Amino acid sequence: MADNRGFTLLEMLIAVAITAFIAVSAYSVLNSALATQKSAKQSDRRLAELQRAMNRIAIDFQQLVIRTVRDENGDPKAVMIGEKDGDASRISWTRQGKLNPAQLPRTEMERLSYRVSDDALVREQWLALDIASEDQKVERPILSDVKSLVIEYYSDEQWHEDWPIDQDEQVALHQVPEAVKMKIELNDFGLLEQVYIIPSGPKKQRDDGSRDSGSGQGGFNSGSGSGGKEEGGRRG
């Protein structure tokens, strides 16, 4: 006679327990894999954002041009201005290469600046080369989660916190450093340090808009990180 006995209650409980254990383990592995994938995507996006920001700064330095501007009061402003307010630094300069897809009759130069605002590195562009008011600026954050920005200027074999440094006003208007060091502290990656080489003989651009002979684009050497040069290799 065949044995028609079913599973006992104890056997059923053991089977359910084993199935639940396998399910929980599989869910944990899957959840961990999804979290790792999400973290990797976030890191990739962050690194891409950092790369774009560093490349943007490098291109702007490469296209530096010796051209002073005038502020809203009509007073001349130096080709490059570096200011420090407490621990916060701000830099502005004139560059060439402004896009003009419509081929409008306007200059290809523009004034721009970099500073930290609301925990972001902000790139400011003047709508007009000689700005008429502070409202004629376009601000665009290019790097988020920025804790601080410190900028230094290399000239005469030493680093300076402000620029220009020459006491002669006429000389200072057209003075540019040999290199610019930007220390950007991020909340996630910590302190990043980039040194951008400024060309020793950029194209001279007179205030009337005409050009002297020479090369108009700034030099740039790659080193640590994206678009910079390690401090150990700076020029004297």
C-alpha atoms as a PDB file:
ATOM      1  CA  MET A   1       0.000   0.000   0.000  1.00  0.00           C
ATOM      2  CA  ALA A   2       1.443   3.415  -1.050  1.00  0.00           C
ATOM      3  CA  ASP A   3       2.449   5.925   1.571  1.00  0.00           C
ATOM      4  CA  ASN A   4       0.263   9.036   0.967  1.00  0.00           C
ATOM      5  CA  ARG A   5       1.610  11.099   3.798  1.00  0.00           C
ATOM      6  CA  GLY A   6       2.226  14.827   3.050  1.00  0.00           C
ATOM      7  CA  PHE A   7       4.811  17.219   4.491  1.00  0.00           C
ATOM      8  CA  THR A   8       4.760  17.734   8.177  1.00  0.00           C
ATOM      9  CA  LEU A   9       4.313  21.211   9.631  1.00  0.00           C
ATOM     10  CA  LEU A  10       7.962  21.285  10.658  1.00  0.00           C
ATOM     11  CA  GLU A  11       9.102  20.437   7.135  1.00  0.00           C
ATOM     12  CA  MET A  12       6.883  23.202   5.698  1.00  0.00           C
ATOM     13  CA  LEU A  13       8.293  25.741   8.137  1.00  0.00           C
ATOM     14  CA  ILE A  14      11.860  24.751   7.247  1.00  0.00           C
ATOM     15  CA  ALA A  15      11.110  25.056   3.502  1.00  0.00           C
ATOM     16  CA  VAL A  16       9.494  28.468   3.975  1.00  0.00           C
ATOM     17  CA  ALA A  17      12.443  29.636   6.067  1.00  0.00           C
ATOM     18  CA  ILE A  18      14.965  28.493   3.428  1.00  0.00           C
ATOM     19  CA  THR A  19      12.962  30.179   0.643  1.00  0.00           C
ATOM     20  CA  ALA A  20      12.726  33.424   2.633  1.00  0.00           C
ATOM     21  CA  PHE A  21      16.457  33.367   3.347  1.00  0.00           C
ATOM     22  CA  ILE A  22      17.270  32.909  -0.336  1.00  0.00           C
ATOM     23  CA  ALA A  23      14.850  35.710  -1.301  1.00  0.00           C
ATOM     24  CA  VAL A  24      16.300  38.128   1.259  1.00  0.00           C
ATOM     25  CA  SER A  25      19.861  37.315   0.158  1.00  0.00           C
ATOM     26  CA  ALA A  26      18.979  37.827  -3.500  1.00  0.00           C
ATOM     27  CA  TYR A  27      17.279  41.142  -2.704  1.00  0.00           C
ATOM     28  CA  SER A  28      20.296  42.324  -0.729  1.00  0.00           C
ATOM     29  CA  VAL A  29      22.648  41.467  -3.590  1.00  0.00           C
ATOM     30  CA  LEU A  30      20.363  43.163  -6.126  1.00  0.00           C
ATOM     31  CA  ASN A  31      19.902  46.240  -3.932  1.00  0.00           C
ATOM     32  CA  SER A  32      23.656  46.515  -3.396  1.00  0.00           C
ATOM     33  CA  ALA A  33      24.283  46.213  -7.151  1.00  0.00           C
ATOM     34  CA  LEU A  34      21.712  48.928  -7.917  1.00  0.00           C
ATOM     35  CA  ALA A  35      23.181  51.228  -5.257  1.00  0.00           C
ATOM     36  CA  THR A  36      26.668  50.688  -6.670  1.00  0.00           C
ATOM     37  CA  GLN A  37      25.426  51.434 -10.175  1.00  0.00           C
ATOM     38  CA  LYS A  38      23.698  54.613  -8.979  1.00  0.00           C
ATOM     39  CA  SER A  39      26.804  55.740  -7.114  1.00  0.00           C
ATOM     40  CA  ALA A  40      28.966  55.060 -10.170  1.00  0.00           C
ATOM     41  CA  LYS A  41      26.656  57.118 -12.384  1.00  0.00           C
ATOM     42  CA  GLN A  42      26.695  59.992  -9.894  1.00  0.00           C
ATOM     43  CA  SER A  43      30.502  59.862  -9.757  1.00  0.00           C
ATOM     44  CA  ASP A  44      30.689  59.845 -13.549  1.00  0.00           C
ATOM     45  CA  ARG A  45      28.392  62.868 -13.762  1.00  0.00           C
ATOM     46  CA  ARG A  46      30.407  64.677 -11.097  1.00  0.00           C
ATOM     47  CA  LEU A  47      33.710  63.970 -12.809  1.00  0.00           C
ATOM     48  CA  ALA A  48      32.252  65.086 -16.149  1.00  0.00           C
ATOM     49  CA  GLU A  49      31.035  68.330 -14.527  1.00  0.00           C
ATOM     50  CA  LEU A  50      34.490  68.917 -13.030  1.00  0.00           C
ATOM     51  CA  GLN A  51      36.172  68.164 -16.357  1.00  0.00           C
ATOM     52  CA  ARG A  52      33.942  70.614 -18.219  1.00  0.00           C
ATOM     53  CA  ALA A  53      34.582  73.349 -15.652  1.00  0.00           C
ATOM     54  CA  MET A  54      38.364  72.924 -15.752  1.00  0.00           C
ATOM     55  CA  ASN A  55      38.365  72.866 -19.556  1.00  0.00           C
ATOM     56  CA  ARG A  56      36.215  75.997 -19.654  1.00  0.00           C
ATOM     57  CA  ILE A  57      38.646  77.873 -17.406  1.00  0.00           C
ATOM     58  CA  ALA A  58      41.654  76.660 -19.415  1.00  0.00           C
ATOM     59  CA  ILE A  59      40.117  77.827 -22.700  1.00  0.00           C
ATOM     60  CA  ASP A  60      39.298  81.227 -21.216  1.00  0.00           C
ATOM     61  CA  PHE A  61      42.912  81.672 -20.099  1.00  0.00           C
ATOM     62  CA  GLN A  62      44.193  80.526 -23.487  1.00  0.00           C
ATOM     63  CA  GLN A  63      42.172  83.256 -25.166  1.00  0.00           C
ATOM     64  CA  LEU A  64      43.268  86.092 -22.875  1.00  0.00           C
ATOM     65  CA  VAL A  65      43.879  89.304 -24.810  1.00  0.00           C
ATOM     66  CA  ILE A  66      45.512  92.559 -23.713  1.00  0.00           C
ATOM     67  CA  ARG A  67      42.534  94.883 -23.815  1.00  0.00           C
ATOM     68  CA  THR A  68      41.416  97.136 -20.982  1.00  0.00           C
ATOM     69  CA  VAL A  69      37.735  97.887 -20.382  1.00  0.00           C
ATOM     70  CA  ARG A  70      35.701 100.650 -18.766  1.00  0.00           C
ATOM     71  CA  ASP A  71      33.257 100.279 -15.894  1.00  0.00           C
ATOM     72  CA  GLU A  72      29.838 101.898 -15.452  1.00  0.00           C
ATOM     73  CA  ASN A  73      31.531 105.163 -14.448  1.00  0.00           C
ATOM     74  CA  GLY A  74      33.745 105.254 -17.524  1.00  0.00           C
ATOM     75  CA  ASP A  75      36.901 104.492 -15.526  1.00  0.00           C
ATOM     76  CA  PRO A  76      39.465 102.159 -17.136  1.00  0.00           C
ATOM     77  CA  LYS A  77      39.859  98.669 -15.709  1.00  0.00           C
ATOM     78  CA  ALA A  78      42.962  96.514 -16.027  1.00  0.00           C
ATOM     79  CA  VAL A  79      43.252  93.627 -18.459  1.00  0.00           C
ATOM     80  CA  MET A  80      43.199  91.228 -15.497  1.00  0.00           C
ATOM     81  CA  ILE A  81      41.910  92.022 -12.020  1.00  0.00           C
ATOM     82  CA  GLY A  82      42.288  89.728  -9.034  1.00  0.00           C
ATOM     83  CA  GLU A  83      40.620  90.669  -5.776  1.00  0.00           C
ATOM     84  CA  LYS A  84      40.341  88.949  -2.416  1.00  0.00           C
ATOM     85  CA  ASP A  85      37.612  89.664   0.101  1.00  0.00           C
ATOM     86  CA  GLY A  86      38.393  87.714   3.259  1.00  0.00           C
ATOM     87  CA  ASP A  87      38.810  84.087   2.167  1.00  0.00           C
ATOM     88  CA  ALA A  88      36.932  84.602  -1.107  1.00  0.00           C
ATOM     89  CA  SER A  89      38.739  85.361  -4.370  1.00  0.00           C
ATOM     90  CA  ARG A  90      37.434  86.798  -7.614  1.00  0.00           C
ATOM     91  CA  ILE A  91      39.188  87.157 -10.962  1.00  0.00           C
ATOM     92  CA  SER A  92      38.200  88.920 -14.180  1.00  0.00           C
ATOM     93  CA  TRP A  93      39.924  89.405 -17.529  1.00  0.00           C
ATOM     94  CA  THR A  94      39.331  90.105 -21.197  1.00  0.00           C
ATOM     95  CA  ARG A  95      39.312  87.265 -23.703  1.00  0.00           C
ATOM     96  CA  GLN A  96      38.821  86.889 -27.415  1.00  0.00           C
ATOM     97  CA  GLY A  97      36.935  84.209 -29.314  1.00  0.00           C
ATOM     98  CA  LYS A  98      33.376  85.224 -28.416  1.00  0.00           C
ATOM     99  CA  LEU A  99      30.970  83.259 -30.573  1.00  0.00           C
ATOM    100  CA  ASN A 100      29.190  85.190 -33.292  1.00  0.00           C
ATOM    101  CA  PRO A 101      27.164  82.613 -35.278  1.00  0.00           C
ATOM    102  CA  ALA A 102      24.954  85.285 -36.837  1.00  0.00           C
ATOM    103  CA  GLN A 103      28.028  87.193 -38.073  1.00  0.00           C
ATOM    104  CA  LEU A 104      26.811  90.413 -36.466  1.00  0.00           C
ATOM    105  CA  PRO A 105      28.995  93.557 -36.702  1.00  0.00           C
ATOM    106  CA  ARG A 106      30.389  93.365 -33.173  1.00  0.00           C
ATOM    107  CA  THR A 107      33.650  92.600 -31.394  1.00  0.00           C
ATOM    108  CA  GLU A 108      34.754  89.024 -30.768  1.00  0.00           C
ATOM    109  CA  MET A 109      36.182  90.012 -27.379  1.00  0.00           C
ATOM    110  CA  GLU A 110      34.348  89.797 -24.066  1.00  0.00           C
ATOM    111  CA  ARG A 111      34.918  90.423 -20.391  1.00  0.00           C
ATOM    112  CA  LEU A 112      34.388  87.584 -17.946  1.00  0.00           C
ATOM    113  CA  SER A 113      34.980  86.725 -14.312  1.00  0.00           C
ATOM    114  CA  TYR A 114      34.992  83.752 -11.940  1.00  0.00           C
ATOM    115  CA  ARG A 115      33.820  83.723  -8.339  1.00  0.00           C
ATOM    116  CA  VAL A 116      31.971  81.516  -5.833  1.00  0.00           C
ATOM    117  CA  SER A 117      28.310  82.210  -5.155  1.00  0.00           C
ATOM    118  CA  ASP A 118      25.757  80.003  -3.375  1.00  0.00           C
ATOM    119  CA  ASP A 119      28.208  77.072  -3.127  1.00  0.00           C
ATOM    120  CA  ALA A 120      28.905  77.111  -6.861  1.00  0.00           C
ATOM    121  CA  LEU A 121      31.713  78.326  -9.097  1.00  0.00           C
ATOM    122  CA  VAL A 122      30.088  80.994 -11.242  1.00  0.00           C
ATOM    123  CA  ARG A 123      31.271  82.258 -14.617  1.00  0.00           C
ATOM    124  CA  GLU A 124      30.120  85.814 -15.342  1.00  0.00           C
ATOM    125  CA  GLN A 125      30.006  87.307 -18.833  1.00  0.00           C
ATOM    126  CA  TRP A 126      29.626  90.978 -19.655  1.00  0.00           C
ATOM    127  CA  LEU A 127      26.961  91.580 -22.293  1.00  0.00           C
ATOM    128  CA  ALA A 128      29.057  94.527 -23.500  1.00  0.00           C
ATOM    129  CA  LEU A 129      32.842  94.753 -23.456  1.00  0.00           C
ATOM    130  CA  ASP A 130      32.736  98.146 -21.743  1.00  0.00           C
ATOM    131  CA  ILE A 131      30.018  97.527 -19.197  1.00  0.00           C
ATOM    132  CA  ALA A 132      27.413 100.215 -18.651  1.00  0.00           C
ATOM    133  CA  SER A 133      25.931  98.770 -15.444  1.00  0.00           C
ATOM    134  CA  GLU A 134      26.163  95.771 -13.151  1.00  0.00           C
ATOM    135  CA  ASP A 135      22.891  94.500 -14.649  1.00  0.00           C
ATOM    136  CA  GLN A 136      24.678  93.793 -17.924  1.00  0.00           C
ATOM    137  CA  LYS A 137      26.130  90.520 -16.709  1.00  0.00           C
ATOM    138  CA  VAL A 138      25.107  86.924 -17.314  1.00  0.00           C
ATOM    139  CA  GLU A 139      25.893  84.489 -14.504  1.00  0.00           C
ATOM    140  CA  ARG A 140      26.207  80.763 -15.150  1.00  0.00           C
ATOM    141  CA  PRO A 141      27.197  78.207 -12.489  1.00  0.00           C
ATOM    142  CA  ILE A 142      29.694  75.762 -13.974  1.00  0.00           C
ATOM    143  CA  LEU A 143      30.632  73.700 -10.893  1.00  0.00           C
ATOM    144  CA  SER A 144      28.475  72.810  -7.884  1.00  0.00           C
ATOM    145  CA  ASP A 145      29.311  71.926  -4.261  1.00  0.00           C
ATOM    146  CA  VAL A 146      32.198  74.401  -4.104  1.00  0.00           C
ATOM    147  CA  LYS A 147      33.324  75.269  -0.600  1.00  0.00           C
ATOM    148  CA  SER A 148      35.898  77.956  -1.396  1.00  0.00           C
ATOM    149  CA  LEU A 149      38.008  79.525  -4.145  1.00  0.00           C
ATOM    150  CA  VAL A 150      41.458  81.009  -3.585  1.00  0.00           C
ATOM    151  CA  ILE A 151      43.384  82.545  -6.489  1.00  0.00           C
ATOM    152  CA  GLU A 152      47.051  83.568  -6.577  1.00  0.00           C
ATOM    153  CA  TYR A 153      49.146  85.296  -9.260  1.00  0.00           C
ATOM    154  CA  TYR A 154      52.762  84.450 -10.092  1.00  0.00           C
ATOM    155  CA  SER A 155      55.141  87.266 -10.994  1.00  0.00           C
ATOM    156  CA  ASP A 156      58.678  88.282 -10.065  1.00  0.00           C
ATOM    157  CA  GLU A 157      59.345  84.781  -8.708  1.00  0.00           C
ATOM    158  CA  GLN A 158      56.622  84.915  -6.070  1.00  0.00           C
ATOM    159  CA  TRP A 159      52.892  84.425  -5.626  1.00  0.00           C
ATOM    160  CA  HIS A 160      50.585  87.379  -4.968  1.00  0.00           C
ATOM    161  CA  GLU A 161      47.042  87.427  -3.600  1.00  0.00           C
ATOM    162  CA  ASP A 162      45.907  90.445  -5.644  1.00  0.00           C
ATOM    163  CA  TRP A 163      46.395  91.661  -9.188  1.00  0.00           C
ATOM    164  CA  PRO A 164      47.696  93.913 -10.694  1.00  0.00           C
ATOM    165  CA  ILE A 165      50.666  94.614  -8.446  1.00  0.00           C
ATOM    166  CA  ASP A 166      52.482  97.465 -10.218  1.00  0.00           C
ATOM    167  CA  GLN A 167      52.134 100.840  -8.500  1.00  0.00           C
ATOM    168  CA  ASP A 168      52.224 102.692 -11.827  1.00  0.00           C
ATOM    169  CA  GLU A 169      48.581 102.903 -12.892  1.00  0.00           C
ATOM    170  CA  GLN A 170      49.324 102.924 -16.625  1.00  0.00           C
ATOM    171  CA  VAL A 171      51.591  99.906 -16.327  1.00  0.00           C
ATOM    172  CA  ALA A 172      49.122  98.081 -14.083  1.00  0.00           C
ATOM    173  CA  LEU A 173      46.291  98.493 -16.612  1.00  0.00           C
ATOM    174  CA  HIS A 174      48.079  96.231 -19.125  1.00  0.00           C
ATOM    175  CA  GLN A 175      49.918  93.967 -16.695  1.00  0.00           C
ATOM    176  CA  VAL A 176      49.328  90.200 -16.685  1.00  0.00           C
ATOM    177  CA  PRO A 177      50.985  87.585 -14.461  1.00  0.00           C
ATOM    178  CA  GLU A 178      53.134  84.688 -15.637  1.00  0.00           C
ATOM    179  CA  ALA A 179      50.722  82.168 -14.139  1.00  0.00           C
ATOM    180  CA  VAL A 180      47.481  81.957 -12.193  1.00  0.00           C
ATOM    181  CA  LYS A 181      46.887  79.372  -9.473  1.00  0.00           C
ATOM    182  CA  MET A 182      43.309  78.441  -8.598  1.00  0.00           C
ATOM    183  CA  LYS A 183      42.637  76.467  -5.407  1.00  0.00           C
ATOM    184  CA  ILE A 184      39.105  75.101  -5.537  1.00  0.00           C
ATOM    185  CA  GLU A 185      37.869  73.265  -2.457  1.00  0.00           C
ATOM    186  CA  LEU A 186      34.958  70.914  -3.117  1.00  0.00           C
ATOM    187  CA  ASN A 187      32.703  69.342  -0.522  1.00  0.00           C
ATOM    188  CA  ASP A 188      33.234  65.855  -1.994  1.00  0.00           C
ATOM    189  CA  PHE A 189      36.698  65.827  -3.611  1.00  0.00           C
ATOM    190  CA  GLY A 190      38.469  68.181  -1.225  1.00  0.00           C
ATOM    191  CA  LEU A 191      41.095  70.681  -2.411  1.00  0.00           C
ATOM    192  CA  LEU A 192      41.964  70.831  -6.105  1.00  0.00           C
ATOM    193  CA  GLU A 193      44.865  72.989  -7.215  1.00  0.00           C
ATOM    194  CA  GLN A 194      45.445  74.092 -10.804  1.00  0.00           C
ATOM    195  CA  VAL A 195      48.159  76.330 -12.244  1.00  0.00           C
ATOM    196  CA  TYR A 196      47.405  78.014 -15.564  1.00  0.00           C
ATOM    197  CA  ILE A 197      50.318  79.448 -17.527  1.00  0.00           C
ATOM    198  CA  ILE A 198      49.678  82.912 -18.967  1.00  0.00           C
ATOM    199  CA  PRO A 199      51.582  83.729 -22.185  1.00  0.00           C
ATOM    200  CA  SER A 200      54.529  86.078 -21.681  1.00  0.00           C
ATOM    201  CA  GLY A 201      53.888  87.805 -25.005  1.00  0.00           C
ATOM    202  CA  PRO A 202      50.147  87.844 -25.765  1.00  0.00           C
ATOM    203  CA  LYS A 203      48.771  89.896 -28.618  1.00  0.00           C
ATOM    204  CA  LYS A 204      48.649  93.565 -27.745  1.00  0.00           C
ATOM    205  CA  GLN A 205      45.173  95.004 -28.121  1.00  0.00           C
ATOM    206  CA  ARG A 206      44.938  98.758 -27.935  1.00  0.00           C
ATOM    207  CA  ASP A 207      41.958 100.405 -26.341  1.00  0.00           C
ATOM    208  CA  ASP A 208      40.747 101.661 -29.724  1.00  0.00           C
ATOM    209  CA  GLY A 209      40.225  98.039 -30.817  1.00  0.00           C
ATOM    210  CA  SER A 210      43.137  97.762 -33.297  1.00  0.00           C
ATOM    211  CA  ARG A 211      45.693  94.998 -32.917  1.00  0.00           C
ATOM    212  CA  ASP A 212      49.440  94.993 -32.655  1.00  0.00           C
ATOM    213  CA  SER A 213      51.578  92.146 -33.901  1.00  0.00           C
ATOM    214  CA  GLY A 214      52.067  89.013 -31.874  1.00  0.00           C
ATOM    215  CA  SER A 215      50.189  85.971 -30.785  1.00  0.00           C
ATOM    216  CA  GLY A 216      46.785  86.511 -29.255  1.00  0.00           C
ATOM    217  CA  GLN A 217      46.133  83.238 -27.466  1.00  0.00           C
ATOM    218  CA  GLY A 218      47.356  82.306 -24.037  1.00  0.00           C
ATOM    219  CA  GLY A 219      49.556  79.300 -23.399  1.00  0.00           C
ATOM    220  CA  PHE A 220      48.445  76.253 -21.451  1.00  0.00           C
ATOM    221  CA  ASN A 221      50.318  73.215 -20.181  1.00  0.00           C
ATOM    222  CA  SER A 222      48.519  70.176 -18.852  1.00  0.00           C
ATOM    223  CA  GLY A 223      49.579  68.609 -15.601  1.00  0.00           C
ATOM    224  CA  SER A 224      47.726  67.426 -12.511  1.00  0.00           C
ATOM    225  CA  GLY A 225      44.003  67.181 -13.066  1.00  0.00           C
ATOM    226  CA  SER A 226      42.362  68.643 -16.134  1.00  0.00           C
ATOM    227  CA  GLY A 227      43.767  71.670 -17.864  1.00  0.00           C
ATOM    228  CA  GLY A 228      46.464  72.692 -15.423  1.00  0.00           C
ATOM    229  CA  LYS A 229      50.114  72.434 -14.559  1.00  0.00           C
ATOM    230  CA  GLU A 230      51.568  71.140 -11.318  1.00  0.00           C
ATOM    231  CA  GLU A 231      52.942  73.806  -9.068  1.00  0.00           C
ATOM    232  CA  GLY A 232      56.292  72.099  -8.944  1.00  0.00           C
ATOM    233  CA  GLY A 233      56.793  72.885 -12.618  1.00  0.00           C
ATOM    234  CA  ARG A 234      55.942  76.562 -12.516  1.00  0.00           C
ATOM    235  CA  ARG A 235      58.185  79.098 -14.110  1.00  0.00           C
ATOM    236  CA  GLY A 236      60.321  81.562 -12.254  1.00  0.00           C
END
